[in-house]
Amino acid sequence: MERGLGMERGFRLFIFISLAIAIILAVFISPFASNSPDGLEKVAEDRGFLNMAKSVWRYSPFSDYSITGIENNYISTGLSGIIGIVIVFIITLILAKKIIAK
C-alpha cells in the first residue's frame, strides 16, 4: 500500500470522527446553553436601544437556535445544531474540493 493512500484514509477517518463528536456535542450540550443575551445584545439592552433593532432574521429557519414547529426546546435546539453542523460541513467539503482541484 502506498503511503499517500493510508494517510488519506486516516485523514478521512479523522474528519468523520470530528464530525461525529461535533454532532454529539450539538445534541447533548447545546440545549443547555445560556438563554442570556450575547455581548452585543446585552450592550443594546443596557443602553436602551435594543427595541430600535430591525428584525432582519424574522424569517430565519433557525431563529434563536430553534426550529419552529418543534415544541420541545431541547430537541429543537439540538436538531438545529445538527443541521447547522451538517450545512457547514457540506459547504466546507465543497470548497475544499474546489480548492484542491485547482
N, C-alpha and C. Protein backbone atom coordinates (compact mmCIF):
# COMPACT_ATOMS: atom_id res chain seq x y z
N MET A 1 0.85 -1.18 0.00
CA MET A 1 0.00 0.00 0.00
C MET A 1 0.89 1.24 0.00
N GLU A 2 0.49 2.20 -0.80
CA GLU A 2 1.26 3.44 -0.88
C GLU A 2 1.01 4.28 0.36
N ARG A 3 2.01 5.08 0.67
CA ARG A 3 1.91 5.91 1.86
C ARG A 3 0.77 6.93 1.75
N GLY A 4 0.57 7.51 0.58
CA GLY A 4 -0.46 8.53 0.39
C GLY A 4 -1.86 8.01 0.62
N LEU A 5 -2.11 6.77 0.22
CA LEU A 5 -3.45 6.21 0.40
C LEU A 5 -3.77 6.01 1.88
N GLY A 6 -2.81 5.54 2.64
CA GLY A 6 -3.03 5.35 4.07
C GLY A 6 -3.28 6.67 4.79
N MET A 7 -2.54 7.68 4.40
CA MET A 7 -2.73 9.00 5.02
C MET A 7 -4.10 9.55 4.65
N GLU A 8 -4.55 9.29 3.42
CA GLU A 8 -5.85 9.79 3.00
C GLU A 8 -6.96 9.12 3.82
N ARG A 9 -6.84 7.81 4.02
CA ARG A 9 -7.84 7.09 4.82
C ARG A 9 -7.82 7.57 6.27
N GLY A 10 -6.63 7.78 6.80
CA GLY A 10 -6.53 8.28 8.17
C GLY A 10 -7.11 9.67 8.32
N PHE A 11 -6.91 10.50 7.31
CA PHE A 11 -7.46 11.86 7.35
C PHE A 11 -8.98 11.82 7.26
N ARG A 12 -9.50 10.96 6.38
CA ARG A 12 -10.96 10.83 6.28
C ARG A 12 -11.55 10.33 7.59
N LEU A 13 -10.90 9.38 8.21
CA LEU A 13 -11.37 8.87 9.50
C LEU A 13 -11.37 9.99 10.54
N PHE A 14 -10.30 10.79 10.55
CA PHE A 14 -10.22 11.92 11.47
C PHE A 14 -11.37 12.91 11.23
N ILE A 15 -11.64 13.21 9.97
CA ILE A 15 -12.72 14.15 9.63
C ILE A 15 -14.07 13.63 10.11
N PHE A 16 -14.36 12.38 9.84
CA PHE A 16 -15.67 11.85 10.21
C PHE A 16 -15.81 11.63 11.72
N ILE A 17 -14.72 11.31 12.41
CA ILE A 17 -14.78 11.23 13.87
C ILE A 17 -15.01 12.62 14.46
N SER A 18 -14.35 13.63 13.89
CA SER A 18 -14.55 15.01 14.34
C SER A 18 -15.98 15.46 14.09
N LEU A 19 -16.52 15.10 12.93
CA LEU A 19 -17.91 15.43 12.62
C LEU A 19 -18.86 14.75 13.62
N ALA A 20 -18.60 13.50 13.94
CA ALA A 20 -19.44 12.79 14.90
C ALA A 20 -19.38 13.43 16.28
N ILE A 21 -18.19 13.83 16.71
CA ILE A 21 -18.04 14.50 18.01
C ILE A 21 -18.79 15.83 18.02
N ALA A 22 -18.70 16.59 16.94
CA ALA A 22 -19.41 17.87 16.86
C ALA A 22 -20.92 17.66 16.92
N ILE A 23 -21.41 16.63 16.25
CA ILE A 23 -22.85 16.35 16.28
C ILE A 23 -23.28 15.91 17.67
N ILE A 24 -22.49 15.08 18.32
CA ILE A 24 -22.81 14.64 19.68
C ILE A 24 -22.85 15.84 20.63
N LEU A 25 -21.89 16.75 20.49
CA LEU A 25 -21.90 17.95 21.32
C LEU A 25 -23.12 18.81 21.03
N ALA A 26 -23.49 18.93 19.76
CA ALA A 26 -24.66 19.73 19.40
C ALA A 26 -25.93 19.14 20.01
N VAL A 27 -26.02 17.84 20.02
CA VAL A 27 -27.23 17.19 20.54
C VAL A 27 -27.30 17.27 22.06
N PHE A 28 -26.18 16.99 22.73
CA PHE A 28 -26.25 16.85 24.18
C PHE A 28 -25.81 18.08 24.98
N ILE A 29 -25.04 18.98 24.39
CA ILE A 29 -24.55 20.14 25.13
C ILE A 29 -25.31 21.42 24.77
N SER A 30 -25.60 21.64 23.50
CA SER A 30 -26.23 22.89 23.08
C SER A 30 -27.58 23.18 23.74
N PRO A 31 -28.40 22.19 24.06
CA PRO A 31 -29.66 22.53 24.74
C PRO A 31 -29.46 23.20 26.11
N PHE A 32 -28.27 23.06 26.68
CA PHE A 32 -28.01 23.65 27.99
C PHE A 32 -27.28 25.00 27.90
N ALA A 33 -27.18 25.55 26.71
CA ALA A 33 -26.53 26.85 26.52
C ALA A 33 -27.35 27.93 27.23
N SER A 34 -26.69 28.97 27.61
CA SER A 34 -27.33 30.06 28.34
C SER A 34 -28.37 30.77 27.49
N ASN A 35 -29.47 31.14 28.12
CA ASN A 35 -30.50 31.92 27.45
C ASN A 35 -30.24 33.42 27.56
N SER A 36 -29.17 33.79 28.25
CA SER A 36 -28.83 35.19 28.42
C SER A 36 -28.43 35.79 27.06
N PRO A 37 -28.66 37.09 26.86
CA PRO A 37 -28.27 37.71 25.60
C PRO A 37 -26.76 37.72 25.41
N ASP A 38 -26.33 37.68 24.15
CA ASP A 38 -24.89 37.73 23.87
C ASP A 38 -24.37 39.14 24.11
N GLY A 39 -23.10 39.37 23.87
CA GLY A 39 -22.45 40.65 24.20
C GLY A 39 -23.10 41.86 23.57
N LEU A 40 -23.30 41.82 22.26
CA LEU A 40 -23.88 42.98 21.57
C LEU A 40 -25.33 43.21 21.99
N GLU A 41 -26.07 42.14 22.14
CA GLU A 41 -27.46 42.27 22.56
C GLU A 41 -27.55 42.82 23.98
N LYS A 42 -26.63 42.41 24.84
CA LYS A 42 -26.60 42.89 26.22
C LYS A 42 -26.28 44.39 26.29
N VAL A 43 -25.33 44.83 25.48
CA VAL A 43 -24.99 46.26 25.44
C VAL A 43 -26.18 47.07 24.94
N ALA A 44 -26.83 46.59 23.88
CA ALA A 44 -28.00 47.29 23.35
C ALA A 44 -29.12 47.34 24.38
N GLU A 45 -29.28 46.27 25.12
CA GLU A 45 -30.29 46.23 26.18
C GLU A 45 -29.94 47.20 27.30
N ASP A 46 -28.67 47.21 27.73
CA ASP A 46 -28.23 48.10 28.81
C ASP A 46 -28.32 49.57 28.42
N ARG A 47 -28.02 49.88 27.17
CA ARG A 47 -28.04 51.27 26.69
C ARG A 47 -29.42 51.73 26.25
N GLY A 48 -30.36 50.81 26.18
CA GLY A 48 -31.75 51.18 25.91
C GLY A 48 -32.12 51.32 24.44
N PHE A 49 -31.35 50.77 23.53
CA PHE A 49 -31.73 50.89 22.12
C PHE A 49 -31.98 49.53 21.46
N LEU A 50 -32.19 48.50 22.27
CA LEU A 50 -32.47 47.17 21.73
C LEU A 50 -33.79 47.16 20.97
N ASN A 51 -34.77 47.92 21.44
CA ASN A 51 -36.08 47.94 20.78
C ASN A 51 -36.04 48.62 19.42
N MET A 52 -34.96 49.34 19.11
CA MET A 52 -34.84 50.01 17.81
C MET A 52 -34.29 49.07 16.73
N ALA A 53 -33.85 47.89 17.13
CA ALA A 53 -33.27 46.95 16.18
C ALA A 53 -34.34 46.44 15.22
N LYS A 54 -33.95 46.34 13.96
CA LYS A 54 -34.88 45.80 12.96
C LYS A 54 -34.68 44.29 12.89
N SER A 55 -35.76 43.58 12.83
CA SER A 55 -35.71 42.13 12.81
C SER A 55 -35.41 41.63 11.40
N VAL A 56 -34.14 41.53 11.09
CA VAL A 56 -33.73 41.05 9.77
C VAL A 56 -33.93 39.54 9.68
N TRP A 57 -33.79 38.86 10.77
CA TRP A 57 -33.81 37.40 10.78
C TRP A 57 -35.16 36.81 11.15
N ARG A 58 -36.23 37.55 11.05
CA ARG A 58 -37.52 37.02 11.48
C ARG A 58 -37.98 35.83 10.63
N TYR A 59 -37.47 35.72 9.42
CA TYR A 59 -37.84 34.59 8.57
C TYR A 59 -36.75 33.51 8.56
N SER A 60 -35.82 33.62 9.47
CA SER A 60 -34.74 32.65 9.56
C SER A 60 -35.28 31.29 9.98
N PRO A 61 -34.79 30.22 9.37
CA PRO A 61 -35.28 28.89 9.76
C PRO A 61 -34.81 28.48 11.16
N PHE A 62 -33.76 29.10 11.68
CA PHE A 62 -33.23 28.74 12.99
C PHE A 62 -33.18 29.94 13.92
N SER A 63 -34.23 30.71 13.96
CA SER A 63 -34.27 31.88 14.82
C SER A 63 -34.13 31.46 16.28
N ASP A 64 -33.23 32.12 16.99
CA ASP A 64 -32.94 31.81 18.40
C ASP A 64 -32.51 30.36 18.60
N TYR A 65 -31.79 29.82 17.63
CA TYR A 65 -31.24 28.46 17.71
C TYR A 65 -32.30 27.40 17.95
N SER A 66 -33.46 27.58 17.35
CA SER A 66 -34.52 26.60 17.48
C SER A 66 -35.24 26.46 16.15
N ILE A 67 -36.03 25.43 16.05
CA ILE A 67 -36.77 25.17 14.82
C ILE A 67 -38.25 25.37 15.13
N THR A 68 -38.89 26.21 14.32
CA THR A 68 -40.32 26.46 14.54
C THR A 68 -41.10 25.17 14.29
N GLY A 69 -42.10 24.96 15.09
CA GLY A 69 -42.94 23.78 14.94
C GLY A 69 -42.56 22.66 15.89
N ILE A 70 -41.38 22.72 16.48
CA ILE A 70 -40.98 21.71 17.46
C ILE A 70 -41.10 22.34 18.84
N GLU A 71 -42.01 21.81 19.63
CA GLU A 71 -42.32 22.41 20.93
C GLU A 71 -41.25 22.18 21.99
N ASN A 72 -40.61 21.01 21.97
CA ASN A 72 -39.59 20.69 22.97
C ASN A 72 -38.32 21.49 22.67
N ASN A 73 -37.93 22.38 23.59
CA ASN A 73 -36.77 23.25 23.36
C ASN A 73 -35.46 22.47 23.23
N TYR A 74 -35.30 21.40 24.00
CA TYR A 74 -34.07 20.62 23.93
C TYR A 74 -33.92 19.94 22.56
N ILE A 75 -34.99 19.34 22.09
CA ILE A 75 -34.95 18.68 20.78
C ILE A 75 -34.76 19.71 19.67
N SER A 76 -35.47 20.82 19.77
CA SER A 76 -35.39 21.86 18.75
C SER A 76 -33.99 22.45 18.65
N THR A 77 -33.37 22.73 19.80
CA THR A 77 -32.02 23.29 19.81
C THR A 77 -31.00 22.28 19.32
N GLY A 78 -31.10 21.04 19.76
CA GLY A 78 -30.19 20.00 19.31
C GLY A 78 -30.29 19.74 17.83
N LEU A 79 -31.53 19.70 17.31
CA LEU A 79 -31.73 19.47 15.88
C LEU A 79 -31.21 20.62 15.05
N SER A 80 -31.41 21.84 15.51
CA SER A 80 -30.87 22.98 14.76
C SER A 80 -29.34 22.97 14.77
N GLY A 81 -28.76 22.49 15.88
CA GLY A 81 -27.30 22.34 15.93
C GLY A 81 -26.80 21.32 14.94
N ILE A 82 -27.48 20.18 14.86
CA ILE A 82 -27.09 19.14 13.89
C ILE A 82 -27.19 19.66 12.47
N ILE A 83 -28.29 20.31 12.15
CA ILE A 83 -28.49 20.83 10.80
C ILE A 83 -27.42 21.86 10.46
N GLY A 84 -27.12 22.74 11.42
CA GLY A 84 -26.08 23.74 11.19
C GLY A 84 -24.72 23.12 10.96
N ILE A 85 -24.37 22.11 11.74
CA ILE A 85 -23.08 21.44 11.57
C ILE A 85 -23.00 20.76 10.21
N VAL A 86 -24.07 20.08 9.82
CA VAL A 86 -24.07 19.39 8.53
C VAL A 86 -23.96 20.38 7.37
N ILE A 87 -24.65 21.51 7.47
CA ILE A 87 -24.57 22.53 6.41
C ILE A 87 -23.15 23.08 6.30
N VAL A 88 -22.55 23.41 7.44
CA VAL A 88 -21.18 23.94 7.42
C VAL A 88 -20.20 22.89 6.90
N PHE A 89 -20.40 21.63 7.28
CA PHE A 89 -19.54 20.55 6.82
C PHE A 89 -19.63 20.40 5.30
N ILE A 90 -20.83 20.41 4.76
CA ILE A 90 -21.01 20.25 3.31
C ILE A 90 -20.40 21.41 2.56
N ILE A 91 -20.63 22.63 3.02
CA ILE A 91 -20.05 23.81 2.35
C ILE A 91 -18.52 23.75 2.40
N THR A 92 -17.97 23.37 3.56
CA THR A 92 -16.51 23.26 3.69
C THR A 92 -15.96 22.18 2.77
N LEU A 93 -16.65 21.07 2.68
CA LEU A 93 -16.22 19.97 1.81
C LEU A 93 -16.22 20.40 0.35
N ILE A 94 -17.26 21.09 -0.07
CA ILE A 94 -17.35 21.57 -1.46
C ILE A 94 -16.22 22.56 -1.76
N LEU A 95 -16.01 23.51 -0.85
CA LEU A 95 -14.94 24.50 -1.06
C LEU A 95 -13.57 23.84 -1.08
N ALA A 96 -13.34 22.88 -0.19
CA ALA A 96 -12.06 22.19 -0.15
C ALA A 96 -11.80 21.44 -1.44
N LYS A 97 -12.82 20.77 -1.96
CA LYS A 97 -12.66 20.03 -3.22
C LYS A 97 -12.37 20.98 -4.38
N LYS A 98 -13.00 22.15 -4.38
CA LYS A 98 -12.75 23.13 -5.44
C LYS A 98 -11.32 23.68 -5.35
N ILE A 99 -10.86 23.91 -4.12
CA ILE A 99 -9.51 24.43 -3.93
C ILE A 99 -8.47 23.37 -4.33
N ILE A 100 -8.72 22.12 -3.96
CA ILE A 100 -7.78 21.05 -4.32
C ILE A 100 -7.77 20.81 -5.82
N ALA A 101 -8.89 20.97 -6.48
CA ALA A 101 -9.00 20.72 -7.92
C ALA A 101 -8.21 21.75 -8.73
N LYS A 102 -7.94 22.91 -8.18
CA LYS A 102 -7.24 23.96 -8.93
C LYS A 102 -5.81 23.70 -9.04
